[in-house]
Structures are given as structure tokens and as C-alpha cells.
Amino acid sequence: MTDTQFPNEVQPFSIEGANVRGRLVRLGQAYGEILGSHDYPEPVGNLMGELTTMTAALANSLKYDGLFILQTQSDGPVSMMVVDVTSDGTIRGYARHDSDSFAAGYEIDKAVPHIMGSGHIAFTVDQGPDTERYQGITELEGASLAECAQSYFRQSEQLETALLLTSDAANKRAAALMIQKMPATGEGAEQRLKLTPEEDDESWRDAVILMSSMTTEELLDPGLSSWDLLYRLYHETGVRLYDNKPLKFQCRCSAEKVLATLASFSPEDLADMKSDDGLIVATCEFCLTEYKFDDDSLAAHRAR
């Protein structure tokens, strides 16, 4: 059953006296609706919770108007996962996996090498057809999704990042805690405190050490608010919370979009797609909605 009491939000914050900003993401109902009726094995469902909350945390740290997409491609039992979140706070995602592989038993603590195998993760910002897409790609290196993301930011963005991810597919709760060291140059650099390099490094190390003291049980506890969690961690130095952003599951599929895609295929390809009763059946991989089209509906769409 989906936990309707657990928050569905991203909470931005900064640590007083340090050039450190962060995001706390907690998802209950939205995560449950992403899992929906996919019937994922528990390790896959947990991995989807981690990717979903990580995507929300990263998206909220960016300024964009459109879509932020996180997608993995790999050669393991979980061959692909994708999560996207709009700048309005709607989120969706799904995973492709080999069900037979999980009969042997895979453990989430070695998610990347054991469940996902070798591959890459792509970070994409899509702000519409009239803008240039931004994309960053990094190899899946490390024992967890958090380690992969940290490696990407350290190597590609030159941005120190620490991530804590956890999820509980059985109870439909997932959370991410992310902190980043504010950049010394570029956008946002003017907001930095004037600290010596030694003070800057020490405050970052302290923030990471304190973050690592947070338990997964605390992050997934519905009795603790975002304020409770962040105050527990950073009350000695001080923590400042900014306006939180609600998140909700929403799929953007529609019959019109599916028809537009089908219209791009040749008549020969469309004929191969037809079932015995002459219908083309398309299922949205995000929400599992099934769309059925006959020749008349395709012809009417082409005639527009």
C-alpha cells in the first residue's frame, strides 16, 4: 500500500558558516505511483527509488525550464532505468529488467556491479525544441548510484558532491540527501562566504561527516519532518531552509502523442505491428496505459 502520510517534496537548504548547499528529497505516494503495477522485484523497486530521489535532488539544484532526465544503460539484469522530472515538479520513471535473473538473488548494496553491470549514466536537460540540449555522460563506476553521481560531479563538473540514497519498495518510501560545495567561479560564486581555503575545506569535511551520521531509518521515518532531520544534523553550525517544492507523479503520455509517433512509420512497418484483429496496440512503459488504434484512427491523424 502506498504511504500517503510520507512527504513528497524536495527541501533546499544551506549550512550556516559554510559554502555548502543541499537538497533533501523524500517521496511516498509519488514513489508508489511510479512503481505502480510494474511488479518489480524488490531490488529493482529499491533501485528505482534511489534513482528517482537522486533525479529530483539534482534537478532541483539546476535552473531550467523544461525537463531533466537521468537514464542508465547497462548490460546487467537491470539493463535500463529512466526518470524525468519537469521544472513544475512532476516526475515519472520506469526500469527494464530480466525477471529470471533475480531468481538467483541480487543484493542492493552492490547495485551497480551486481544488478546493473557495466554501462553508463546520462544527465540531460531538455528545455524544448528551440533550445540546445545539455547532456553529461559518465561510466557506471562504483558500488552504488550515489558513488556514480559523485564521480561524475567530481570529474566532469569539478563540483564536490556527497549523496545518501535509500528506499523501501515494500513500504513505498524513498529519500535522498545531497550536499554540494558551492563553486568558486561561475554562477552562484558571488554567494560564497569569504573563507580561507583551510576554513572552506574544513567546513566541507565537517558537513560530509555530519551527513554520514544520518541513518536510512531516520530518512524513511514518517514521524520526522524535513526540518527535524536537517536540524538533527546541522543544529550546532546552523541550517537555513528555503521554500520546499512539492513533487507528484504524472505521466505525459497521450493517444495523440502515440499516434504522432506511429505516423512516422512506413505502411509496411505499421502492418507488421498489427495484431490478429487488425489493431496496433501500444503500451506506455512509464504508466502501463494501453492504447489501441485501427486503420481509421491512423488515417484520420494523417489527414490533419
Protein backbone atom coordinates (compact mmCIF):
# COMPACT_ATOMS: atom_id res chain seq x y z
CA MET A 1 0.00 0.00 0.00
CA THR A 2 1.25 3.47 -0.85
CA ASP A 3 2.18 5.60 2.17
CA THR A 4 0.08 8.77 1.77
CA GLN A 5 1.49 10.26 5.00
CA PHE A 6 5.11 10.33 3.87
CA PRO A 7 6.22 13.65 2.28
CA ASN A 8 6.50 14.14 -1.47
CA GLU A 9 8.88 17.07 -1.63
CA VAL A 10 12.35 18.43 -2.18
CA GLN A 11 13.66 20.66 0.59
CA PRO A 12 16.57 23.00 -0.31
CA PHE A 13 18.86 24.15 2.48
CA SER A 14 22.25 25.68 3.22
CA ILE A 15 24.60 25.25 6.14
CA GLU A 16 25.38 28.39 8.10
CA GLY A 17 29.02 29.47 8.15
CA ALA A 18 29.92 27.18 5.25
CA ASN A 19 29.85 27.28 1.46
CA VAL A 20 27.62 24.24 1.38
CA ARG A 21 24.14 23.89 -0.05
CA GLY A 22 21.93 20.84 -0.12
CA ARG A 23 18.70 19.12 -1.05
CA LEU A 24 16.63 16.67 0.97
CA VAL A 25 14.15 14.65 -1.12
CA ARG A 26 11.51 12.36 0.36
CA LEU A 27 8.91 10.52 -1.70
CA GLY A 28 5.98 8.41 -0.56
CA GLN A 29 2.87 8.45 -2.74
CA ALA A 30 4.78 9.71 -5.81
CA TYR A 31 7.25 6.82 -5.49
CA GLY A 32 4.42 4.33 -5.01
CA GLU A 33 2.71 5.56 -8.17
CA ILE A 34 5.96 5.27 -10.13
CA LEU A 35 6.21 1.65 -9.03
CA GLY A 36 2.51 1.31 -9.93
CA SER A 37 1.59 -2.12 -11.26
CA HIS A 38 5.04 -2.88 -12.72
CA ASP A 39 5.56 -5.65 -10.15
CA TYR A 40 9.32 -5.10 -9.98
CA PRO A 41 11.43 -7.49 -7.90
CA GLU A 42 12.23 -5.73 -4.63
CA PRO A 43 15.87 -4.94 -5.56
CA VAL A 44 14.68 -3.28 -8.78
CA GLY A 45 12.00 -1.34 -6.95
CA ASN A 46 14.55 -0.15 -4.41
CA LEU A 47 16.95 0.88 -7.16
CA MET A 48 14.16 2.85 -8.84
CA GLY A 49 13.54 4.65 -5.56
CA GLU A 50 17.19 5.64 -5.35
CA LEU A 51 17.32 6.85 -8.96
CA THR A 52 14.04 8.76 -8.58
CA THR A 53 15.05 10.69 -5.47
CA MET A 54 18.53 11.33 -6.87
CA THR A 55 16.98 12.74 -10.06
CA ALA A 56 14.72 15.05 -8.04
CA ALA A 57 17.65 16.28 -5.94
CA LEU A 58 19.85 17.01 -8.96
CA ALA A 59 17.02 18.63 -10.91
CA ASN A 60 16.20 21.00 -8.06
CA SER A 61 19.82 22.14 -7.90
CA LEU A 62 19.63 23.37 -11.52
CA LYS A 63 17.93 26.33 -13.15
CA TYR A 64 15.94 25.06 -16.13
CA ASP A 65 12.52 25.35 -17.73
CA GLY A 66 11.53 22.01 -19.15
CA LEU A 67 12.73 18.51 -18.43
CA PHE A 68 15.62 16.97 -16.51
CA ILE A 69 16.29 13.33 -17.40
CA LEU A 70 18.50 10.74 -15.73
CA GLN A 71 18.96 7.50 -17.68
CA THR A 72 21.12 4.42 -17.22
CA GLN A 73 22.10 1.89 -19.90
CA SER A 74 23.96 -1.25 -18.86
CA ASP A 75 24.50 -4.93 -19.61
CA GLY A 76 23.29 -6.40 -16.32
CA PRO A 77 19.91 -7.77 -15.16
CA VAL A 78 18.66 -4.17 -14.92
CA SER A 79 19.50 -3.01 -18.43
CA MET A 80 17.90 0.43 -18.36
CA MET A 81 16.32 2.88 -15.95
CA VAL A 82 15.00 6.32 -16.71
CA VAL A 83 13.49 9.05 -14.53
CA ASP A 84 12.48 12.50 -15.68
CA VAL A 85 11.23 15.48 -13.70
CA THR A 86 9.72 18.67 -15.06
CA SER A 87 10.54 22.13 -13.77
CA ASP A 88 6.93 22.13 -12.46
CA GLY A 89 7.69 19.19 -10.16
CA THR A 90 6.01 16.27 -11.95
CA ILE A 91 8.04 13.08 -12.01
CA ARG A 92 7.86 9.66 -13.66
CA GLY A 93 10.16 6.71 -14.36
CA TYR A 94 10.49 3.02 -15.21
CA ALA A 95 13.04 0.20 -15.37
CA ARG A 96 13.73 -2.62 -17.79
CA HIS A 97 14.96 -5.81 -16.19
CA ASP A 98 15.39 -9.54 -16.72
CA SER A 99 12.98 -11.15 -14.27
CA ASP A 100 14.63 -14.58 -14.48
CA SER A 101 17.95 -13.21 -13.24
CA PHE A 102 16.52 -12.31 -9.86
CA ALA A 103 15.71 -15.91 -9.01
CA ALA A 104 19.43 -16.24 -8.20
CA GLY A 105 19.21 -13.33 -5.76
CA TYR A 106 20.86 -9.94 -6.14
CA GLU A 107 21.68 -7.60 -3.27
CA ILE A 108 21.01 -3.87 -3.41
CA ASP A 109 24.23 -2.99 -1.55
CA LYS A 110 26.20 -3.94 -4.68
CA ALA A 111 23.68 -2.44 -7.07
CA VAL A 112 25.93 -1.24 -9.86
CA PRO A 113 28.29 -4.21 -10.34
CA HIS A 114 25.80 -6.96 -9.49
CA ILE A 115 22.45 -5.67 -10.71
CA MET A 116 23.34 -3.18 -13.42
CA GLY A 117 26.70 -4.42 -14.70
CA SER A 118 28.81 -2.25 -16.99
CA GLY A 119 27.36 0.79 -18.70
CA HIS A 120 26.80 4.50 -18.29
CA ILE A 121 24.50 7.07 -16.77
CA ALA A 122 23.39 10.16 -18.70
CA PHE A 123 22.26 13.50 -17.27
CA THR A 124 20.15 15.53 -19.72
CA VAL A 125 18.48 18.94 -19.57
CA ASP A 126 15.85 19.42 -22.29
CA GLN A 127 14.28 22.89 -22.41
CA GLY A 128 12.29 22.42 -25.61
CA PRO A 129 12.72 22.15 -29.39
CA ASP A 130 14.17 25.64 -29.84
CA THR A 131 16.98 25.18 -27.32
CA GLU A 132 20.16 23.15 -27.25
CA ARG A 133 20.13 20.05 -25.08
CA TYR A 134 22.75 19.76 -22.38
CA GLN A 135 23.98 16.24 -21.67
CA GLY A 136 26.65 14.76 -19.46
CA ILE A 137 27.60 11.07 -19.52
CA THR A 138 29.70 9.06 -17.09
CA GLU A 139 30.57 5.41 -16.69
CA LEU A 140 28.83 3.38 -14.01
CA GLU A 141 31.80 3.24 -11.67
CA GLY A 142 31.33 2.38 -8.01
CA ALA A 143 29.21 0.15 -5.81
CA SER A 144 26.14 2.42 -5.82
CA LEU A 145 24.27 5.04 -7.80
CA ALA A 146 25.40 7.63 -5.27
CA GLU A 147 29.06 6.83 -5.96
CA CYS A 148 28.46 7.07 -9.72
CA ALA A 149 26.89 10.51 -9.39
CA GLN A 150 29.60 11.73 -7.03
CA SER A 151 32.25 10.59 -9.51
CA TYR A 152 30.51 12.45 -12.35
CA PHE A 153 30.34 15.75 -10.46
CA ARG A 154 33.91 15.49 -9.23
CA GLN A 155 35.38 14.66 -12.65
CA SER A 156 33.09 16.44 -15.12
CA GLU A 157 31.67 19.39 -13.18
CA GLN A 158 34.56 19.95 -10.74
CA LEU A 159 31.94 20.14 -8.00
CA GLU A 160 32.34 18.34 -4.71
CA THR A 161 29.13 16.38 -4.06
CA ALA A 162 28.07 13.94 -1.34
CA LEU A 163 24.93 11.80 -1.66
CA LEU A 164 23.00 9.50 0.62
CA LEU A 165 20.27 7.43 -1.06
CA THR A 166 17.82 4.96 0.43
CA SER A 167 14.50 3.38 -0.46
CA ASP A 168 11.99 0.85 0.79
CA ALA A 169 9.91 -0.51 -2.07
CA ALA A 170 7.76 -2.62 0.27
CA ASN A 171 6.55 0.46 2.16
CA LYS A 172 6.77 2.88 -0.81
CA ARG A 173 9.23 5.30 0.75
CA ALA A 174 12.43 6.71 -0.74
CA ALA A 175 14.80 9.51 0.19
CA ALA A 176 17.92 11.32 -0.95
CA LEU A 177 20.17 13.68 0.97
CA MET A 178 22.64 15.64 -1.16
CA ILE A 179 25.12 18.34 -0.27
CA GLN A 180 27.41 20.24 -2.64
CA LYS A 181 30.29 22.59 -2.15
CA MET A 182 29.39 25.90 -3.77
CA PRO A 183 31.50 26.66 -6.87
CA ALA A 184 34.35 29.13 -6.56
CA THR A 185 33.71 30.51 -10.05
CA GLY A 186 30.73 30.85 -12.36
CA GLU A 187 27.06 31.05 -11.48
CA GLY A 188 26.45 31.25 -7.74
CA ALA A 189 30.06 32.06 -6.86
CA GLU A 190 29.06 35.55 -5.72
CA GLN A 191 27.03 33.98 -2.90
CA ARG A 192 30.03 32.30 -1.33
CA LEU A 193 31.22 33.31 2.12
CA LYS A 194 34.73 34.75 2.32
CA LEU A 195 36.52 31.87 3.98
CA THR A 196 40.16 30.90 3.81
CA PRO A 197 40.91 27.76 1.76
CA GLU A 198 41.56 25.89 5.00
CA GLU A 199 38.25 27.05 6.52
CA ASP A 200 36.43 26.19 3.30
CA ASP A 201 37.83 22.66 3.21
CA GLU A 202 37.24 22.07 6.91
CA SER A 203 33.61 23.20 6.79
CA TRP A 204 33.01 20.89 3.81
CA ARG A 205 34.57 17.93 5.60
CA ASP A 206 32.50 18.62 8.69
CA ALA A 207 29.30 18.79 6.62
CA VAL A 208 30.08 15.43 4.98
CA ILE A 209 30.92 13.79 8.31
CA LEU A 210 27.68 15.02 9.86
CA MET A 211 25.68 13.90 6.83
CA SER A 212 27.14 10.41 7.08
CA SER A 213 25.73 10.14 10.62
CA MET A 214 22.19 10.19 9.24
CA THR A 215 20.66 6.70 9.21
CA THR A 216 18.42 5.31 6.49
CA GLU A 217 15.83 4.57 9.18
CA GLU A 218 15.67 8.27 10.04
CA LEU A 219 15.37 9.33 6.41
CA LEU A 220 12.44 6.95 5.91
CA ASP A 221 10.71 7.69 9.22
CA PRO A 222 7.27 9.26 8.51
CA GLY A 223 7.26 10.69 12.03
CA LEU A 224 10.19 13.01 11.25
CA SER A 225 9.75 16.14 9.13
CA SER A 226 12.41 17.53 6.81
CA TRP A 227 13.10 20.22 9.40
CA ASP A 228 13.53 17.57 12.11
CA LEU A 229 16.07 15.68 10.04
CA LEU A 230 18.14 18.67 8.98
CA TYR A 231 18.09 20.19 12.46
CA ARG A 232 19.36 16.91 13.91
CA LEU A 233 22.32 17.01 11.54
CA TYR A 234 23.32 20.66 11.50
CA HIS A 235 21.89 22.35 14.61
CA GLU A 236 25.34 23.08 16.01
CA THR A 237 26.51 25.05 12.98
CA GLY A 238 23.03 26.19 11.95
CA VAL A 239 20.96 25.29 8.93
CA ARG A 240 18.78 27.51 6.76
CA LEU A 241 15.77 26.07 4.94
CA TYR A 242 14.31 27.59 1.79
CA ASP A 243 10.89 27.13 0.18
CA ASN A 244 10.25 23.46 -0.38
CA LYS A 245 8.86 22.14 -3.65
CA PRO A 246 6.12 19.52 -3.81
CA LEU A 247 6.61 16.59 -6.19
CA LYS A 248 3.96 14.38 -7.75
CA PHE A 249 3.80 11.53 -10.19
CA GLN A 250 2.35 12.42 -13.57
CA CYS A 251 2.79 10.66 -16.90
CA ARG A 252 2.77 12.78 -20.04
CA CYS A 253 1.67 10.05 -22.42
CA SER A 254 -1.46 10.52 -24.55
CA ALA A 255 -3.20 8.96 -27.54
CA GLU A 256 -2.19 11.97 -29.63
CA LYS A 257 1.49 11.53 -28.86
CA VAL A 258 1.38 7.81 -29.63
CA LEU A 259 -0.45 8.49 -32.91
CA ALA A 260 2.15 11.08 -33.87
CA THR A 261 4.89 8.51 -33.29
CA LEU A 262 3.08 5.81 -35.28
CA ALA A 263 2.51 8.23 -38.15
CA SER A 264 6.28 8.40 -38.66
CA PHE A 265 6.44 4.68 -39.55
CA SER A 266 6.04 3.32 -43.06
CA PRO A 267 2.86 1.41 -44.03
CA GLU A 268 4.95 -1.78 -44.13
CA ASP A 269 6.22 -1.29 -40.59
CA LEU A 270 2.73 -0.48 -39.35
CA ALA A 271 1.39 -3.66 -40.95
CA ASP A 272 3.97 -5.70 -39.02
CA MET A 273 2.80 -4.10 -35.78
CA LYS A 274 -0.82 -5.15 -36.18
CA SER A 275 -2.37 -7.85 -34.05
CA ASP A 276 -4.57 -10.61 -35.45
CA ASP A 277 -7.64 -8.39 -35.11
CA GLY A 278 -6.04 -5.60 -37.15
CA LEU A 279 -5.23 -3.28 -34.27
CA ILE A 280 -1.96 -1.65 -33.29
CA VAL A 281 -1.53 -1.84 -29.53
CA ALA A 282 0.97 0.45 -27.79
CA THR A 283 1.68 0.45 -24.06
CA CYS A 284 3.31 3.35 -22.22
CA GLU A 285 6.32 1.98 -20.36
CA PHE A 286 6.01 4.64 -17.65
CA CYS A 287 2.39 4.14 -16.57
CA LEU A 288 1.40 0.97 -18.48
CA THR A 289 -1.58 2.70 -20.13
CA GLU A 290 -2.59 0.74 -23.22
CA TYR A 291 -3.57 2.47 -26.45
CA LYS A 292 -5.30 0.72 -29.36
CA PHE A 293 -5.57 2.11 -32.89
CA ASP A 294 -7.22 0.87 -36.06
CA ASP A 295 -6.63 1.92 -39.67
CA ASP A 296 -9.32 4.62 -39.47
CA SER A 297 -7.73 6.37 -36.48
CA LEU A 298 -4.31 6.33 -38.16
CA ALA A 299 -5.79 7.64 -41.40
CA ALA A 300 -7.65 10.42 -39.58
CA HIS A 301 -4.44 11.50 -37.86
CA ARG A 302 -2.50 11.57 -41.15
CA ALA A 303 -5.26 13.64 -42.77
CA ARG A 304 -4.90 16.50 -40.28
